[in-house]
C-alpha cells in the first residue's frame, strides 16, 4: 500500500513533464493499489484529459468525486501551490478535459 504513495509522486512528475502516457501507466497502478487515496486520482485524471481520453477518465473522476465530493477545477487552482502558474493552468486544463466540474 505504501508504495502507491511513491508511485503517485512519479505520476505527478510525469504529468508535469507532459509524459502523460507514462503518468497514466503509473497512476493506474497507484489507484489500484490504494483506491481510497484521493490524491492518486488527480494526476491520473489530468493526464487522461490531456490525451483526450475523457471516456476512460470518467470512472476515475467518479471515484475522485466520491472520495472528495467538493473537488473542482477551481478549488484545485486555489488550493494547490504549484510554483509556476503555467504548470498549474496546464494541470487544470487536463482536469477540465477529463470532465472534472469547473465549480
PDB file of N, CA and C in Angstrom:
ATOM      1  N   UNK A   1       0.814  -1.192   0.000  1.00  0.00           N
ATOM      2  CA  UNK A   1       0.000   0.000   0.000  1.00  0.00           C
ATOM      3  C   UNK A   1       0.859   1.259   0.000  1.00  0.00           C
ATOM      4  N   UNK A   2       1.916   1.278   0.796  1.00  0.00           N
ATOM      5  CA  UNK A   2       2.744   2.488   0.875  1.00  0.00           C
ATOM      6  C   UNK A   2       3.443   2.799  -0.435  1.00  0.00           C
ATOM      7  N   UNK A   3       3.712   1.768  -1.226  1.00  0.00           N
ATOM      8  CA  UNK A   3       4.371   2.055  -2.496  1.00  0.00           C
ATOM      9  C   UNK A   3       3.502   2.930  -3.380  1.00  0.00           C
ATOM     10  N   UNK A   4       2.180   2.889  -3.186  1.00  0.00           N
ATOM     11  CA  UNK A   4       1.301   3.703  -4.025  1.00  0.00           C
ATOM     12  C   UNK A   4       1.532   5.200  -3.791  1.00  0.00           C
ATOM     13  N   UNK A   5       1.961   5.567  -2.592  1.00  0.00           N
ATOM     14  CA  UNK A   5       2.277   6.982  -2.348  1.00  0.00           C
ATOM     15  C   UNK A   5       3.480   7.412  -3.188  1.00  0.00           C
ATOM     16  N   UNK A   6       4.473   6.534  -3.256  1.00  0.00           N
ATOM     17  CA  UNK A   6       5.653   6.834  -4.082  1.00  0.00           C
ATOM     18  C   UNK A   6       5.301   6.811  -5.560  1.00  0.00           C
ATOM     19  N   UNK A   7       4.467   5.849  -5.943  1.00  0.00           N
ATOM     20  CA  UNK A   7       4.012   5.787  -7.335  1.00  0.00           C
ATOM     21  C   UNK A   7       3.294   7.087  -7.694  1.00  0.00           C
ATOM     22  N   UNK A   8       2.515   7.617  -6.762  1.00  0.00           N
ATOM     23  CA  UNK A   8       1.797   8.854  -7.022  1.00  0.00           C
ATOM     24  C   UNK A   8       2.757  10.009  -7.286  1.00  0.00           C
ATOM     25  N   UNK A   9       3.864  10.041  -6.583  1.00  0.00           N
ATOM     26  CA  UNK A   9       4.866  11.090  -6.817  1.00  0.00           C
ATOM     27  C   UNK A   9       5.369  11.018  -8.258  1.00  0.00           C
ATOM     28  N   UNK A  10       5.650   9.814  -8.723  1.00  0.00           N
ATOM     29  CA  UNK A  10       6.095   9.651 -10.114  1.00  0.00           C
ATOM     30  C   UNK A  10       4.993  10.068 -11.090  1.00  0.00           C
ATOM     31  N   UNK A  11       3.758   9.739 -10.764  1.00  0.00           N
ATOM     32  CA  UNK A  11       2.651  10.141 -11.632  1.00  0.00           C
ATOM     33  C   UNK A  11       2.603  11.655 -11.757  1.00  0.00           C
ATOM     34  N   UNK A  12       2.762  12.352 -10.654  1.00  0.00           N
ATOM     35  CA  UNK A  12       2.756  13.814 -10.665  1.00  0.00           C
ATOM     36  C   UNK A  12       3.918  14.343 -11.503  1.00  0.00           C
ATOM     37  N   UNK A  13       5.092  13.789 -11.294  1.00  0.00           N
ATOM     38  CA  UNK A  13       6.279  14.240 -12.040  1.00  0.00           C
ATOM     39  C   UNK A  13       6.061  14.071 -13.540  1.00  0.00           C
ATOM     40  N   UNK A  14       5.599  12.904 -13.952  1.00  0.00           N
ATOM     41  CA  UNK A  14       5.382  12.673 -15.383  1.00  0.00           C
ATOM     42  C   UNK A  14       4.271  13.560 -15.937  1.00  0.00           C
ATOM     43  N   UNK A  15       3.272  13.865 -15.125  1.00  0.00           N
ATOM     44  CA  UNK A  15       2.225  14.781 -15.568  1.00  0.00           C
ATOM     45  C   UNK A  15       2.817  16.159 -15.830  1.00  0.00           C
ATOM     46  N   UNK A  16       3.653  16.644 -14.922  1.00  0.00           N
ATOM     47  CA  UNK A  16       4.276  17.955 -15.121  1.00  0.00           C
ATOM     48  C   UNK A  16       5.249  17.954 -16.298  1.00  0.00           C
ATOM     49  N   UNK A  17       5.866  16.809 -16.578  1.00  0.00           N
ATOM     50  CA  UNK A  17       6.789  16.718 -17.718  1.00  0.00           C
ATOM     51  C   UNK A  17       6.053  16.515 -19.038  1.00  0.00           C
ATOM     52  N   UNK A  18       4.721  16.456 -18.984  1.00  0.00           N
ATOM     53  CA  UNK A  18       3.867  16.195 -20.150  1.00  0.00           C
ATOM     54  C   UNK A  18       4.098  14.814 -20.744  1.00  0.00           C
ATOM     55  N   UNK A  19       4.605  13.901 -19.958  1.00  0.00           N
ATOM     56  CA  UNK A  19       4.729  12.500 -20.370  1.00  0.00           C
ATOM     57  C   UNK A  19       3.486  11.785 -19.855  1.00  0.00           C
ATOM     58  N   UNK A  20       2.360  12.120 -20.479  1.00  0.00           N
ATOM     59  CA  UNK A  20       1.065  11.683 -19.986  1.00  0.00           C
ATOM     60  C   UNK A  20       0.881  10.165 -20.076  1.00  0.00           C
ATOM     61  N   UNK A  21       1.418   9.562 -21.097  1.00  0.00           N
ATOM     62  CA  UNK A  21       1.292   8.122 -21.241  1.00  0.00           C
ATOM     63  C   UNK A  21       1.933   7.398 -20.053  1.00  0.00           C
ATOM     64  N   UNK A  22       3.122   7.803 -19.689  1.00  0.00           N
ATOM     65  CA  UNK A  22       3.806   7.181 -18.550  1.00  0.00           C
ATOM     66  C   UNK A  22       3.072   7.515 -17.243  1.00  0.00           C
ATOM     67  N   UNK A  23       2.570   8.727 -17.120  1.00  0.00           N
ATOM     68  CA  UNK A  23       1.810   9.110 -15.921  1.00  0.00           C
ATOM     69  C   UNK A  23       0.576   8.227 -15.763  1.00  0.00           C
ATOM     70  N   UNK A  24      -0.083   7.924 -16.856  1.00  0.00           N
ATOM     71  CA  UNK A  24      -1.272   7.073 -16.814  1.00  0.00           C
ATOM     72  C   UNK A  24      -0.903   5.657 -16.403  1.00  0.00           C
ATOM     73  N   UNK A  25       0.145   5.140 -16.970  1.00  0.00           N
ATOM     74  CA  UNK A  25       0.592   3.784 -16.643  1.00  0.00           C
ATOM     75  C   UNK A  25       0.859   3.642 -15.137  1.00  0.00           C
ATOM     76  N   UNK A  26       1.600   4.572 -14.591  1.00  0.00           N
ATOM     77  CA  UNK A  26       1.941   4.513 -13.165  1.00  0.00           C
ATOM     78  C   UNK A  26       0.736   4.891 -12.308  1.00  0.00           C
ATOM     79  N   UNK A  27      -0.021   5.875 -12.738  1.00  0.00           N
ATOM     80  CA  UNK A  27      -1.186   6.317 -11.981  1.00  0.00           C
ATOM     81  C   UNK A  27      -2.225   5.227 -11.802  1.00  0.00           C
ATOM     82  N   UNK A  28      -2.442   4.441 -12.835  1.00  0.00           N
ATOM     83  CA  UNK A  28      -3.379   3.312 -12.720  1.00  0.00           C
ATOM     84  C   UNK A  28      -2.937   2.341 -11.637  1.00  0.00           C
ATOM     85  N   UNK A  29      -1.648   2.041 -11.617  1.00  0.00           N
ATOM     86  CA  UNK A  29      -1.130   1.125 -10.585  1.00  0.00           C
ATOM     87  C   UNK A  29      -1.337   1.704  -9.196  1.00  0.00           C
ATOM     88  N   UNK A  30      -1.094   3.002  -9.059  1.00  0.00           N
ATOM     89  CA  UNK A  30      -1.209   3.654  -7.751  1.00  0.00           C
ATOM     90  C   UNK A  30      -2.638   3.605  -7.225  1.00  0.00           C
ATOM     91  N   UNK A  31      -3.620   3.923  -8.067  1.00  0.00           N
ATOM     92  CA  UNK A  31      -5.006   3.921  -7.570  1.00  0.00           C
ATOM     93  C   UNK A  31      -5.531   2.502  -7.384  1.00  0.00           C
ATOM     94  N   UNK A  32      -5.020   1.575  -8.146  1.00  0.00           N
ATOM     95  CA  UNK A  32      -5.422   0.180  -7.948  1.00  0.00           C
ATOM     96  C   UNK A  32      -4.899  -0.329  -6.604  1.00  0.00           C
ATOM     97  N   UNK A  33      -3.680   0.037  -6.264  1.00  0.00           N
ATOM     98  CA  UNK A  33      -3.066  -0.412  -5.014  1.00  0.00           C
ATOM     99  C   UNK A  33      -3.696   0.253  -3.793  1.00  0.00           C
ATOM    100  N   UNK A  34      -4.165   1.487  -3.961  1.00  0.00           N
ATOM    101  CA  UNK A  34      -4.738   2.212  -2.827  1.00  0.00           C
ATOM    102  C   UNK A  34      -5.914   3.057  -3.330  1.00  0.00           C
ATOM    103  N   UNK A  35      -7.060   2.423  -3.571  1.00  0.00           N
ATOM    104  CA  UNK A  35      -8.191   3.127  -4.182  1.00  0.00           C
ATOM    105  C   UNK A  35      -8.821   4.222  -3.322  1.00  0.00           C
ATOM    106  N   UNK A  36      -8.481   4.303  -2.062  1.00  0.00           N
ATOM    107  CA  UNK A  36      -9.043   5.350  -1.207  1.00  0.00           C
ATOM    108  C   UNK A  36      -8.119   6.548  -1.026  1.00  0.00           C
ATOM    109  N   UNK A  37      -6.985   6.537  -1.688  1.00  0.00           N
ATOM    110  CA  UNK A  37      -6.042   7.660  -1.624  1.00  0.00           C
ATOM    111  C   UNK A  37      -6.434   8.674  -2.695  1.00  0.00           C
ATOM    112  N   UNK A  38      -7.164   9.690  -2.269  1.00  0.00           N
ATOM    113  CA  UNK A  38      -7.773  10.636  -3.196  1.00  0.00           C
ATOM    114  C   UNK A  38      -6.757  11.352  -4.084  1.00  0.00           C
ATOM    115  N   UNK A  39      -5.599  11.684  -3.537  1.00  0.00           N
ATOM    116  CA  UNK A  39      -4.591  12.424  -4.311  1.00  0.00           C
ATOM    117  C   UNK A  39      -4.064  11.611  -5.485  1.00  0.00           C
ATOM    118  N   UNK A  40      -4.201  10.306  -5.433  1.00  0.00           N
ATOM    119  CA  UNK A  40      -3.724   9.465  -6.524  1.00  0.00           C
ATOM    120  C   UNK A  40      -4.504   9.650  -7.814  1.00  0.00           C
ATOM    121  N   UNK A  41      -5.742  10.088  -7.722  1.00  0.00           N
ATOM    122  CA  UNK A  41      -6.595  10.222  -8.893  1.00  0.00           C
ATOM    123  C   UNK A  41      -6.314  11.485  -9.703  1.00  0.00           C
ATOM    124  N   UNK A  42      -5.880  12.528  -9.053  1.00  0.00           N
ATOM    125  CA  UNK A  42      -5.795  13.837  -9.710  1.00  0.00           C
ATOM    126  C   UNK A  42      -4.800  13.876 -10.871  1.00  0.00           C
ATOM    127  N   UNK A  43      -3.552  13.451 -10.701  1.00  0.00           N
ATOM    128  CA  UNK A  43      -2.650  13.488 -11.851  1.00  0.00           C
ATOM    129  C   UNK A  43      -3.036  12.467 -12.924  1.00  0.00           C
ATOM    130  N   UNK A  44      -3.595  11.341 -12.513  1.00  0.00           N
ATOM    131  CA  UNK A  44      -4.064  10.345 -13.482  1.00  0.00           C
ATOM    132  C   UNK A  44      -5.181  10.921 -14.339  1.00  0.00           C
ATOM    133  N   UNK A  45      -6.147  11.546 -13.707  1.00  0.00           N
ATOM    134  CA  UNK A  45      -7.265  12.152 -14.425  1.00  0.00           C
ATOM    135  C   UNK A  45      -6.781  13.274 -15.342  1.00  0.00           C
ATOM    136  N   UNK A  46      -5.896  14.129 -14.847  1.00  0.00           N
ATOM    137  CA  UNK A  46      -5.373  15.235 -15.671  1.00  0.00           C
ATOM    138  C   UNK A  46      -4.632  14.692 -16.892  1.00  0.00           C
ATOM    139  N   UNK A  47      -3.857  13.641 -16.710  1.00  0.00           N
ATOM    140  CA  UNK A  47      -3.114  13.068 -17.832  1.00  0.00           C
ATOM    141  C   UNK A  47      -4.051  12.449 -18.863  1.00  0.00           C
ATOM    142  N   UNK A  48      -5.069  11.746 -18.395  1.00  0.00           N
ATOM    143  CA  UNK A  48      -6.062  11.191 -19.321  1.00  0.00           C
ATOM    144  C   UNK A  48      -6.751  12.313 -20.096  1.00  0.00           C
ATOM    145  N   UNK A  49      -7.059  13.395 -19.401  1.00  0.00           N
ATOM    146  CA  UNK A  49      -7.679  14.539 -20.065  1.00  0.00           C
ATOM    147  C   UNK A  49      -6.798  15.125 -21.148  1.00  0.00           C
ATOM    148  N   UNK A  50      -5.526  15.252 -20.880  1.00  0.00           N
ATOM    149  CA  UNK A  50      -4.610  15.815 -21.873  1.00  0.00           C
ATOM    150  C   UNK A  50      -4.486  14.946 -23.117  1.00  0.00           C
ATOM    151  N   UNK A  51      -4.675  13.659 -22.965  1.00  0.00           N
ATOM    152  CA  UNK A  51      -4.598  12.766 -24.120  1.00  0.00           C
ATOM    153  C   UNK A  51      -5.960  12.558 -24.780  1.00  0.00           C
ATOM    154  N   UNK A  52      -6.962  13.314 -24.332  1.00  0.00           N
ATOM    155  CA  UNK A  52      -8.284  13.230 -24.944  1.00  0.00           C
ATOM    156  C   UNK A  52      -9.025  11.944 -24.624  1.00  0.00           C
ATOM    157  N   UNK A  53      -8.698  11.344 -23.510  1.00  0.00           N
ATOM    158  CA  UNK A  53      -9.303  10.063 -23.134  1.00  0.00           C
ATOM    159  C   UNK A  53     -10.357  10.264 -22.041  1.00  0.00           C
ATOM    160  N   UNK A  54     -11.280  11.168 -22.331  1.00  0.00           N
ATOM    161  CA  UNK A  54     -12.326  11.545 -21.369  1.00  0.00           C
ATOM    162  C   UNK A  54     -13.192  10.355 -20.969  1.00  0.00           C
ATOM    163  N   UNK A  55     -13.562   9.517 -21.925  1.00  0.00           N
ATOM    164  CA  UNK A  55     -14.395   8.356 -21.595  1.00  0.00           C
ATOM    165  C   UNK A  55     -13.688   7.450 -20.593  1.00  0.00           C
ATOM    166  N   UNK A  56     -12.425   7.205 -20.819  1.00  0.00           N
ATOM    167  CA  UNK A  56     -11.638   6.373 -19.914  1.00  0.00           C
ATOM    168  C   UNK A  56     -11.487   7.037 -18.544  1.00  0.00           C
ATOM    169  N   UNK A  57     -11.419   8.351 -18.530  1.00  0.00           N
ATOM    170  CA  UNK A  57     -11.225   9.090 -17.279  1.00  0.00           C
ATOM    171  C   UNK A  57     -12.471   9.078 -16.398  1.00  0.00           C
ATOM    172  N   UNK A  58     -13.635   8.851 -16.974  1.00  0.00           N
ATOM    173  CA  UNK A  58     -14.878   9.018 -16.226  1.00  0.00           C
ATOM    174  C   UNK A  58     -14.975   8.169 -14.963  1.00  0.00           C
ATOM    175  N   UNK A  59     -14.538   6.933 -15.012  1.00  0.00           N
ATOM    176  CA  UNK A  59     -14.621   6.108 -13.793  1.00  0.00           C
ATOM    177  C   UNK A  59     -13.696   6.654 -12.709  1.00  0.00           C
ATOM    178  N   UNK A  60     -12.547   7.181 -13.114  1.00  0.00           N
ATOM    179  CA  UNK A  60     -11.617   7.768 -12.139  1.00  0.00           C
ATOM    180  C   UNK A  60     -12.173   9.086 -11.586  1.00  0.00           C
ATOM    181  N   UNK A  61     -12.811   9.871 -12.441  1.00  0.00           N
ATOM    182  CA  UNK A  61     -13.424  11.126 -11.995  1.00  0.00           C
ATOM    183  C   UNK A  61     -14.535  10.820 -10.984  1.00  0.00           C
ATOM    184  N   UNK A  62     -15.359   9.821 -11.280  1.00  0.00           N
ATOM    185  CA  UNK A  62     -16.431   9.444 -10.343  1.00  0.00           C
ATOM    186  C   UNK A  62     -15.863   9.035  -8.982  1.00  0.00           C
ATOM    187  N   UNK A  63     -14.801   8.227  -9.013  1.00  0.00           N
ATOM    188  CA  UNK A  63     -14.202   7.797  -7.748  1.00  0.00           C
ATOM    189  C   UNK A  63     -13.590   8.982  -7.005  1.00  0.00           C
ATOM    190  N   UNK A  64     -12.916   9.858  -7.718  1.00  0.00           N
ATOM    191  CA  UNK A  64     -12.350  11.068  -7.120  1.00  0.00           C
ATOM    192  C   UNK A  64     -13.441  11.884  -6.436  1.00  0.00           C
ATOM    193  N   UNK A  65     -14.560  12.075  -7.122  1.00  0.00           N
ATOM    194  CA  UNK A  65     -15.645  12.882  -6.563  1.00  0.00           C
ATOM    195  C   UNK A  65     -16.387  12.158  -5.444  1.00  0.00           C
ATOM    196  N   UNK A  66     -16.328  10.839  -5.438  1.00  0.00           N
ATOM    197  CA  UNK A  66     -16.887  10.086  -4.318  1.00  0.00           C
ATOM    198  C   UNK A  66     -16.039  10.318  -3.070  1.00  0.00           C
ATOM    199  N   UNK A  67     -14.727  10.296  -3.253  1.00  0.00           N
ATOM    200  CA  UNK A  67     -13.806  10.490  -2.131  1.00  0.00           C
ATOM    201  C   UNK A  67     -13.724  11.945  -1.681  1.00  0.00           C
ATOM    202  N   UNK A  68     -13.847  12.856  -2.627  1.00  0.00           N
ATOM    203  CA  UNK A  68     -13.757  14.299  -2.341  1.00  0.00           C
ATOM    204  C   UNK A  68     -14.868  15.018  -3.114  1.00  0.00           C
ATOM    205  N   UNK A  69     -16.092  14.971  -2.590  1.00  0.00           N
ATOM    206  CA  UNK A  69     -17.255  15.483  -3.327  1.00  0.00           C
ATOM    207  C   UNK A  69     -17.185  16.961  -3.706  1.00  0.00           C
ATOM    208  N   UNK A  70     -16.421  17.748  -2.993  1.00  0.00           N
ATOM    209  CA  UNK A  70     -16.353  19.188  -3.283  1.00  0.00           C
ATOM    210  C   UNK A  70     -15.200  19.545  -4.217  1.00  0.00           C
ATOM    211  N   UNK A  71     -14.522  18.547  -4.766  1.00  0.00           N
ATOM    212  CA  UNK A  71     -13.380  18.823  -5.635  1.00  0.00           C
ATOM    213  C   UNK A  71     -13.856  19.411  -6.961  1.00  0.00           C
ATOM    214  N   UNK A  72     -13.234  20.511  -7.357  1.00  0.00           N
ATOM    215  CA  UNK A  72     -13.492  21.149  -8.647  1.00  0.00           C
ATOM    216  C   UNK A  72     -12.164  21.652  -9.216  1.00  0.00           C
ATOM    217  N   UNK A  73     -12.191  21.999 -10.475  1.00  0.00           N
ATOM    218  CA  UNK A  73     -11.002  22.579 -11.106  1.00  0.00           C
ATOM    219  C   UNK A  73     -10.660  23.899 -10.419  1.00  0.00           C
ATOM    220  N   UNK A  74     -11.680  24.697 -10.146  1.00  0.00           N
ATOM    221  CA  UNK A  74     -11.465  25.993  -9.490  1.00  0.00           C
ATOM    222  C   UNK A  74     -10.822  25.810  -8.108  1.00  0.00           C
ATOM    223  N   UNK A  75     -11.326  24.874  -7.327  1.00  0.00           N
ATOM    224  CA  UNK A  75     -10.779  24.614  -5.990  1.00  0.00           C
ATOM    225  C   UNK A  75      -9.321  24.151  -6.096  1.00  0.00           C
ATOM    226  N   UNK A  76      -9.040  23.295  -7.058  1.00  0.00           N
ATOM    227  CA  UNK A  76      -7.668  22.843  -7.271  1.00  0.00           C
ATOM    228  C   UNK A  76      -6.754  24.040  -7.494  1.00  0.00           C
ATOM    229  N   UNK A  77      -7.173  24.956  -8.362  1.00  0.00           N
ATOM    230  CA  UNK A  77      -6.370  26.139  -8.660  1.00  0.00           C
ATOM    231  C   UNK A  77      -6.107  27.025  -7.458  1.00  0.00           C
ATOM    232  N   UNK A  78      -7.062  27.077  -6.539  1.00  0.00           N
ATOM    233  CA  UNK A  78      -6.898  27.904  -5.337  1.00  0.00           C
ATOM    234  C   UNK A  78      -6.035  27.226  -4.279  1.00  0.00           C
ATOM    235  N   UNK A  79      -6.172  25.923  -4.135  1.00  0.00           N
ATOM    236  CA  UNK A  79      -5.561  25.214  -3.006  1.00  0.00           C
ATOM    237  C   UNK A  79      -4.156  24.701  -3.300  1.00  0.00           C
ATOM    238  N   UNK A  80      -3.940  24.158  -4.477  1.00  0.00           N
ATOM    239  CA  UNK A  80      -2.651  23.523  -4.763  1.00  0.00           C
ATOM    240  C   UNK A  80      -1.605  24.572  -5.109  1.00  0.00           C
ATOM    241  N   UNK A  81      -0.543  24.578  -4.342  1.00  0.00           N
ATOM    242  CA  UNK A  81       0.511  25.569  -4.546  1.00  0.00           C
ATOM    243  C   UNK A  81       1.548  25.015  -5.524  1.00  0.00           C
ATOM    244  N   UNK A  82       1.318  25.289  -6.768  1.00  0.00           N
ATOM    245  CA  UNK A  82       2.247  24.891  -7.821  1.00  0.00           C
ATOM    246  C   UNK A  82       3.014  26.146  -8.203  1.00  0.00           C
ATOM    247  N   UNK A  83       4.322  26.059  -8.146  1.00  0.00           N
ATOM    248  CA  UNK A  83       5.179  27.234  -8.274  1.00  0.00           C
ATOM    249  C   UNK A  83       4.916  28.021  -9.557  1.00  0.00           C
ATOM    250  N   UNK A  84       4.937  27.343 -10.691  1.00  0.00           N
ATOM    251  CA  UNK A  84       4.741  28.035 -11.963  1.00  0.00           C
ATOM    252  C   UNK A  84       3.262  28.051 -12.331  1.00  0.00           C
ATOM    253  N   UNK A  85       2.738  29.233 -12.549  1.00  0.00           N
ATOM    254  CA  UNK A  85       1.317  29.345 -12.880  1.00  0.00           C
ATOM    255  C   UNK A  85       1.000  28.624 -14.187  1.00  0.00           C
ATOM    256  N   UNK A  86       1.949  28.579 -15.109  1.00  0.00           N
ATOM    257  CA  UNK A  86       1.707  27.872 -16.375  1.00  0.00           C
ATOM    258  C   UNK A  86       1.538  26.373 -16.134  1.00  0.00           C
ATOM    259  N   UNK A  87       2.289  25.811 -15.177  1.00  0.00           N
ATOM    260  CA  UNK A  87       2.125  24.396 -14.826  1.00  0.00           C
ATOM    261  C   UNK A  87       0.757  24.152 -14.195  1.00  0.00           C
ATOM    262  N   UNK A  88       0.342  25.050 -13.309  1.00  0.00           N
ATOM    263  CA  UNK A  88      -0.962  24.919 -12.661  1.00  0.00           C
ATOM    264  C   UNK A  88      -2.078  24.982 -13.705  1.00  0.00           C
ATOM    265  N   UNK A  89      -1.979  25.940 -14.611  1.00  0.00           N
ATOM    266  CA  UNK A  89      -3.010  26.089 -15.647  1.00  0.00           C
ATOM    267  C   UNK A  89      -3.071  24.855 -16.551  1.00  0.00           C
ATOM    268  N   UNK A  90      -1.924  24.313 -16.905  1.00  0.00           N
ATOM    269  CA  UNK A  90      -1.891  23.124 -17.762  1.00  0.00           C
ATOM    270  C   UNK A  90      -2.510  21.928 -17.036  1.00  0.00           C
ATOM    271  N   UNK A  91      -2.191  21.773 -15.773  1.00  0.00           N
ATOM    272  CA  UNK A  91      -2.764  20.693 -14.951  1.00  0.00           C
ATOM    273  C   UNK A  91      -4.286  20.858 -14.895  1.00  0.00           C
ATOM    274  N   UNK A  92      -4.744  22.080 -14.625  1.00  0.00           N
ATOM    275  CA  UNK A  92      -6.178  22.359 -14.541  1.00  0.00           C
ATOM    276  C   UNK A  92      -6.873  22.076 -15.875  1.00  0.00           C
ATOM    277  N   UNK A  93      -6.208  22.379 -16.964  1.00  0.00           N
ATOM    278  CA  UNK A  93      -6.793  22.108 -18.279  1.00  0.00           C
ATOM    279  C   UNK A  93      -6.989  20.603 -18.482  1.00  0.00           C
ATOM    280  N   UNK A  94      -6.049  19.805 -18.025  1.00  0.00           N
ATOM    281  CA  UNK A  94      -6.205  18.357 -18.102  1.00  0.00           C
ATOM    282  C   UNK A  94      -7.398  17.877 -17.293  1.00  0.00           C
ATOM    283  N   UNK A  95      -7.575  18.443 -16.099  1.00  0.00           N
ATOM    284  CA  UNK A  95      -8.739  18.093 -15.278  1.00  0.00           C
ATOM    285  C   UNK A  95     -10.040  18.452 -15.997  1.00  0.00           C
ATOM    286  N   UNK A  96     -10.074  19.632 -16.597  1.00  0.00           N
ATOM    287  CA  UNK A  96     -11.266  20.064 -17.347  1.00  0.00           C
ATOM    288  C   UNK A  96     -11.572  19.099 -18.482  1.00  0.00           C
ATOM    289  N   UNK A  97     -10.564  18.794 -19.268  1.00  0.00           N
ATOM    290  CA  UNK A  97     -10.752  17.915 -20.427  1.00  0.00           C
ATOM    291  C   UNK A  97     -11.227  16.527 -20.023  1.00  0.00           C
ATOM    292  N   UNK A  98     -10.875  16.122 -18.803  1.00  0.00           N
ATOM    293  CA  UNK A  98     -11.286  14.800 -18.313  1.00  0.00           C
ATOM    294  C   UNK A  98     -12.710  14.814 -17.761  1.00  0.00           C
ATOM    295  N   UNK A  99     -13.279  15.992 -17.567  1.00  0.00           N
ATOM    296  CA  UNK A  99     -14.652  16.074 -17.099  1.00  0.00           C
ATOM    297  C   UNK A  99     -14.838  16.428 -15.643  1.00  0.00           C
ATOM    298  N   UNK A 100     -13.783  16.903 -14.980  1.00  0.00           N
ATOM    299  CA  UNK A 100     -13.923  17.371 -13.595  1.00  0.00           C
ATOM    300  C   UNK A 100     -14.728  18.667 -13.626  1.00  0.00           C
ATOM    301  N   UNK A 101     -15.714  18.802 -12.736  1.00  0.00           N
ATOM    302  CA  UNK A 101     -16.507  20.034 -12.723  1.00  0.00           C
ATOM    303  C   UNK A 101     -15.645  21.288 -12.514  1.00  0.00           C
ATOM    304  N   UNK A 102     -15.997  22.356 -13.206  1.00  0.00           N
ATOM    305  CA  UNK A 102     -15.258  23.611 -13.077  1.00  0.00           C
ATOM    306  C   UNK A 102     -15.497  24.240 -11.711  1.00  0.00           C
ATOM    307  N   UNK A 103     -16.760  24.279 -11.267  1.00  0.00           N
ATOM    308  CA  UNK A 103     -17.108  24.905  -9.978  1.00  0.00           C
ATOM    309  C   UNK A 103     -17.996  23.986  -9.191  1.00  0.00           C
TER     310      UNK A 103
END
